[in-house]
Amino acid sequence: MIKTIIVDDESRSRETIFELLKMYCDNIEVVDQAEDVKSGLLSIRKHNPDLVLLDIKMPDGTGFDLVRQIEQVNFKIIFITAYEEYAIKAFKFSALDYLLKPIDPEELTLAISKVSTSLHNENLSARIMDFMTYIDHFRKQSDGKKIILKTSENIYVVDTDDIISVESDQNYSRFHLIDGEPIFVSRTMKDYTTMLDGEAFYRIHQSFIINLKHVKRYNRGENICIMSDGSKIPVSYRKKDELFSLFKTITTLYK
C-alpha cells in the first residue's frame, strides 16, 4: 500500500480527494490529512509518507513553501492546483506531477498509476526551481519580450527579438542570437516551439525555428532562407506556402 497524506486548506476538497482515492485507487492508504503548510509539515514528519497530494495555495503559504522546509524529500508529490493557464504550461515544462481542480477521477487514477511505478521523486527541488522560473516566463509571455534559457553554468534572460533562429541538435537546442554567441540548452526544440508560439516565430524545418523578423531573403532555387547573420536555413517543401503567407503577415505587423 502507498501511504498517502492529503494537504489542502479546503475541508470539502480534502473529503472529495479522500473519497475518490477510496473508490478508484485500492493501492492507496490515506494515513492523514492536513489543512495548511504548518500542519502538513508536522504530518509528513510524523508519518513518513510515500505520497503527498499537495495543494498549491494555502492560508499560511504555498505547497512549494512546504517542500522547501523539508530537509530530504524522499516521497512522491502530486500538486493540486486551480491555477491559471500560464501556470499549467509551467507545470508541464518543469515536469512536475499535478492535478487540476475540480479533480477528474480518470486523471487521478493516471497520476496514482505513475506514482506506483516510481515512489521516489528525483530532483524535485530542481524541478520546483524550474517551475518558479518558467511560471514567471509564461505569466509575461503575452508581452512576447523575454525567454529564459538555462545552461549548466548560466541562466540567460533573452529578448525574443534578439533570437535569429533555434537549431535542433538531438535532445538539445542551439539558440543563434544577434550578438553572434549561440546558447546551447539541454531541452528539445519541441519545448521551445511551444514557448515561442507567436506570429514572429515559425518552424520551417524539422531542425529549425526561425524569427521571421530576421529573414533577409528567400532563395527560391535553393529553397533556403538567408537570415540577418548570413546563415542559410533550409525550408521544408511542405512549409513553403504557409511561410509565404506568414511573410505577408509579418510585413504588415512590423513594417
Protein backbone atom coordinates (compact mmCIF):
# COMPACT_ATOMS: atom_id res chain seq x y z
CA MET A 1 0.00 0.00 0.00
CA ILE A 2 1.09 3.57 -0.75
CA LYS A 3 0.98 5.66 2.43
CA THR A 4 -0.60 8.97 1.44
CA ILE A 5 -1.21 12.37 3.04
CA ILE A 6 -3.68 14.92 1.67
CA VAL A 7 -2.74 18.58 2.27
CA ASP A 8 -5.45 21.05 1.27
CA ASP A 9 -6.93 24.05 3.10
CA GLU A 10 -10.50 23.28 1.98
CA SER A 11 -12.19 20.55 4.01
CA ARG A 12 -14.61 19.76 1.17
CA SER A 13 -11.73 19.35 -1.25
CA ARG A 14 -9.89 17.02 1.16
CA GLU A 15 -13.01 14.92 1.58
CA THR A 16 -13.56 14.71 -2.20
CA ILE A 17 -9.98 13.58 -2.79
CA PHE A 18 -10.27 11.03 0.01
CA GLU A 19 -13.48 9.57 -1.43
CA LEU A 20 -12.06 9.43 -4.95
CA LEU A 21 -8.96 7.61 -3.72
CA LYS A 22 -11.12 5.14 -1.80
CA MET A 23 -13.30 4.49 -4.85
CA TYR A 24 -10.70 4.31 -7.61
CA CYS A 25 -7.27 3.62 -6.08
CA ASP A 26 -7.24 0.46 -3.96
CA ASN A 27 -3.46 0.62 -3.50
CA ILE A 28 -3.67 3.93 -1.58
CA GLU A 29 -3.81 4.20 2.22
CA VAL A 30 -4.61 7.72 3.43
CA VAL A 31 -2.77 7.96 6.74
CA ASP A 32 -3.54 11.62 7.47
CA GLN A 33 -4.98 14.90 6.22
CA ALA A 34 -3.68 18.43 6.81
CA GLU A 35 -5.08 21.91 6.18
CA ASP A 36 -2.04 24.17 5.76
CA VAL A 37 1.74 24.32 5.46
CA LYS A 38 2.38 24.04 9.20
CA SER A 39 0.13 21.03 9.81
CA GLY A 40 1.31 19.46 6.55
CA LEU A 41 4.94 19.60 7.68
CA LEU A 42 4.06 18.03 11.05
CA SER A 43 2.09 15.26 9.35
CA ILE A 44 4.86 14.45 6.86
CA ARG A 45 7.50 14.28 9.59
CA LYS A 46 5.25 12.08 11.73
CA HIS A 47 4.01 9.60 9.14
CA ASN A 48 6.91 9.41 6.64
CA PRO A 49 4.53 9.01 3.63
CA ASP A 50 5.18 7.54 0.20
CA LEU A 51 2.97 10.15 -1.46
CA VAL A 52 1.66 13.64 -0.66
CA LEU A 53 -1.25 15.19 -2.54
CA LEU A 54 -0.34 18.83 -2.04
CA ASP A 55 -2.45 21.91 -2.67
CA ILE A 56 -0.61 24.98 -4.01
CA LYS A 57 -2.45 27.86 -2.34
CA MET A 58 -2.93 27.70 1.43
CA PRO A 59 -3.55 30.35 4.13
CA ASP A 60 -0.02 30.27 5.57
CA GLY A 61 1.93 29.83 2.32
CA THR A 62 2.15 27.55 -0.71
CA GLY A 63 2.88 23.92 -1.35
CA PHE A 64 6.30 24.99 -2.59
CA ASP A 65 6.97 26.70 0.74
CA LEU A 66 6.20 23.40 2.45
CA VAL A 67 8.60 21.44 0.25
CA ARG A 68 11.41 23.94 0.84
CA GLN A 69 11.20 23.30 4.59
CA ILE A 70 11.74 19.55 4.26
CA GLU A 71 15.35 18.52 4.71
CA GLN A 72 15.14 15.49 2.43
CA VAL A 73 12.19 14.83 0.13
CA ASN A 74 12.01 11.05 -0.06
CA PHE A 75 8.40 10.78 -1.18
CA LYS A 76 6.40 11.46 -4.32
CA ILE A 77 4.34 14.65 -4.67
CA ILE A 78 1.31 15.35 -6.83
CA PHE A 79 0.49 19.06 -6.75
CA ILE A 80 -3.16 20.12 -6.78
CA THR A 81 -3.95 23.42 -8.41
CA ALA A 82 -6.66 25.68 -9.75
CA TYR A 83 -4.02 27.94 -11.27
CA GLU A 84 -4.36 29.88 -14.50
CA GLU A 85 -3.31 28.57 -17.90
CA TYR A 86 0.19 30.05 -17.69
CA ALA A 87 0.85 28.02 -14.52
CA ILE A 88 -0.31 24.83 -16.24
CA LYS A 89 2.24 25.42 -19.01
CA ALA A 90 4.91 25.90 -16.34
CA PHE A 91 3.93 22.63 -14.66
CA LYS A 92 4.26 20.77 -17.94
CA PHE A 93 7.54 22.40 -18.85
CA SER A 94 9.14 21.67 -15.46
CA ALA A 95 7.87 18.05 -15.47
CA LEU A 96 6.05 18.27 -12.13
CA ASP A 97 3.11 15.96 -11.46
CA TYR A 98 -0.11 17.90 -10.97
CA LEU A 99 -3.90 17.63 -10.91
CA LEU A 100 -6.38 20.37 -11.76
CA LYS A 101 -9.34 21.27 -9.58
CA PRO A 102 -12.02 20.01 -9.78
CA ILE A 103 -10.24 16.67 -9.82
CA ASP A 104 -11.23 14.26 -12.55
CA PRO A 105 -11.28 10.59 -11.38
CA GLU A 106 -9.57 9.39 -14.56
CA GLU A 107 -6.77 11.95 -14.22
CA LEU A 108 -6.37 10.98 -10.57
CA THR A 109 -6.03 7.28 -11.34
CA LEU A 110 -3.48 8.02 -14.07
CA ALA A 111 -1.42 10.15 -11.67
CA ILE A 112 -1.56 7.45 -8.99
CA SER A 113 -0.54 4.85 -11.57
CA LYS A 114 2.58 6.88 -12.33
CA VAL A 115 3.35 7.05 -8.61
CA SER A 116 3.04 3.27 -8.33
CA THR A 117 5.85 2.76 -10.83
CA SER A 118 8.25 5.18 -9.12
CA LEU A 119 7.81 6.12 -5.47
CA HIS A 120 10.76 8.50 -5.31
CA ASN A 121 10.56 11.99 -6.77
CA GLU A 122 14.09 12.50 -8.08
CA ASN A 123 15.40 16.06 -8.49
CA LEU A 124 12.18 17.52 -7.05
CA SER A 125 13.93 20.63 -5.73
CA ALA A 126 15.43 21.33 -9.16
CA ARG A 127 12.06 20.82 -10.82
CA ILE A 128 10.41 23.26 -8.42
CA MET A 129 13.11 25.84 -9.18
CA ASP A 130 12.39 25.28 -12.87
CA PHE A 131 8.68 25.77 -12.23
CA MET A 132 9.22 29.09 -10.45
CA THR A 133 11.43 30.26 -13.32
CA TYR A 134 9.02 29.20 -16.04
CA ILE A 135 5.87 30.44 -14.36
CA ASP A 136 7.36 33.95 -14.46
CA HIS A 137 8.10 33.47 -18.14
CA PHE A 138 4.63 32.24 -19.05
CA ARG A 139 2.98 34.95 -16.96
CA LYS A 140 4.80 37.55 -19.04
CA GLN A 141 4.56 35.64 -22.31
CA SER A 142 1.74 37.81 -23.59
CA ASP A 143 4.32 40.62 -23.86
CA GLY A 144 6.39 38.40 -26.16
CA LYS A 145 9.60 40.05 -24.98
CA LYS A 146 11.67 37.64 -22.87
CA ILE A 147 12.55 33.96 -22.68
CA ILE A 148 14.54 32.10 -20.04
CA LEU A 149 17.37 29.85 -21.30
CA LYS A 150 19.12 27.64 -18.76
CA THR A 151 22.50 26.01 -19.32
CA SER A 152 24.66 24.05 -16.87
CA GLU A 153 26.50 27.25 -15.93
CA ASN A 154 24.13 30.16 -16.55
CA ILE A 155 20.54 31.34 -16.70
CA TYR A 156 20.04 33.72 -19.63
CA VAL A 157 17.20 36.21 -19.93
CA VAL A 158 16.96 36.76 -23.67
CA ASP A 159 14.91 39.28 -25.59
CA THR A 160 12.99 37.27 -28.18
CA ASP A 161 13.73 39.94 -30.80
CA ASP A 162 17.41 39.01 -30.42
CA ILE A 163 16.79 35.38 -31.42
CA ILE A 164 17.60 34.73 -35.08
CA SER A 165 16.92 31.01 -35.12
CA VAL A 166 16.76 27.87 -32.99
CA GLU A 167 18.52 24.75 -34.22
CA SER A 168 17.75 21.22 -33.09
CA ASP A 169 20.70 19.03 -32.07
CA GLN A 170 19.23 15.68 -30.97
CA ASN A 171 17.97 16.30 -27.40
CA TYR A 172 19.46 19.79 -27.30
CA SER A 173 18.63 23.18 -28.81
CA ARG A 174 21.06 25.80 -30.07
CA PHE A 175 19.87 29.42 -29.98
CA HIS A 176 21.51 31.73 -32.53
CA LEU A 177 21.43 35.35 -31.37
CA ILE A 178 22.22 38.71 -32.94
CA ASP A 179 25.38 39.10 -30.81
CA GLY A 180 26.87 36.07 -32.53
CA GLU A 181 27.19 33.94 -29.37
CA PRO A 182 24.96 30.82 -29.54
CA ILE A 183 23.39 29.39 -26.38
CA PHE A 184 23.29 25.60 -26.12
CA VAL A 185 20.36 24.35 -24.00
CA SER A 186 19.56 20.80 -22.87
CA ARG A 187 15.91 20.84 -23.97
CA THR A 188 14.36 19.68 -27.20
CA MET A 189 13.21 22.12 -29.83
CA LYS A 190 9.67 20.80 -29.36
CA ASP A 191 9.60 22.50 -25.95
CA TYR A 192 10.64 25.83 -27.45
CA THR A 193 8.13 25.53 -30.26
CA THR A 194 5.52 25.97 -27.53
CA MET A 195 7.38 28.70 -25.65
CA LEU A 196 7.98 30.77 -28.79
CA ASP A 197 4.44 30.36 -30.00
CA GLY A 198 3.58 33.62 -31.77
CA GLU A 199 3.49 35.30 -35.14
CA ALA A 200 7.22 36.14 -35.29
CA PHE A 201 8.49 32.57 -34.95
CA TYR A 202 7.92 29.67 -37.29
CA ARG A 203 9.27 26.12 -37.53
CA ILE A 204 10.26 25.97 -41.18
CA HIS A 205 12.11 22.66 -40.97
CA GLN A 206 12.34 19.65 -38.69
CA SER A 207 15.59 21.07 -37.34
CA PHE A 208 14.94 24.83 -37.34
CA ILE A 209 12.70 27.53 -35.90
CA ILE A 210 13.28 30.99 -37.36
CA ASN A 211 12.43 34.50 -36.29
CA LEU A 212 10.65 35.92 -39.35
CA LYS A 213 11.83 39.42 -38.45
CA HIS A 214 15.42 38.29 -39.11
CA VAL A 215 14.80 36.85 -42.59
CA LYS A 216 16.69 38.91 -45.17
CA ARG A 217 15.58 36.99 -48.27
CA TYR A 218 14.28 33.68 -49.55
CA ASN A 219 16.24 31.88 -52.28
CA ARG A 220 13.71 30.04 -54.47
CA GLY A 221 16.31 27.98 -56.32
CA GLU A 222 17.93 26.54 -53.20
CA ASN A 223 14.76 26.71 -51.10
CA ILE A 224 16.54 28.41 -48.19
CA CYS A 225 16.06 31.48 -46.02
CA ILE A 226 19.01 33.83 -45.68
CA MET A 227 19.00 35.24 -42.16
CA SER A 228 20.31 38.55 -40.80
CA ASP A 229 23.52 36.86 -39.59
CA GLY A 230 24.16 35.38 -43.04
CA SER A 231 23.14 31.85 -42.07
CA LYS A 232 21.30 29.74 -44.64
CA ILE A 233 18.37 27.74 -43.29
CA PRO A 234 16.57 25.09 -45.35
CA VAL A 235 12.81 25.29 -45.80
CA SER A 236 10.69 22.14 -45.72
CA TYR A 237 8.82 21.87 -49.04
CA ARG A 238 5.52 21.29 -47.25
CA LYS A 239 6.04 24.52 -45.29
CA LYS A 240 6.70 26.81 -48.27
CA ASP A 241 3.16 28.05 -48.91
CA GLU A 242 2.47 28.73 -45.24
CA LEU A 243 5.81 30.51 -44.93
CA PHE A 244 4.93 32.86 -47.79
CA SER A 245 1.63 33.69 -46.08
CA LEU A 246 3.48 34.44 -42.85
CA PHE A 247 5.86 36.75 -44.73
CA LYS A 248 2.86 38.83 -45.74
CA THR A 249 1.54 38.89 -42.17
CA ILE A 250 4.86 39.81 -40.60
CA THR A 251 5.42 42.56 -43.18
CA THR A 252 2.08 44.11 -42.23
CA LEU A 253 2.73 43.85 -38.49
CA TYR A 254 6.30 45.10 -38.39
CA LYS A 255 6.68 47.46 -41.32
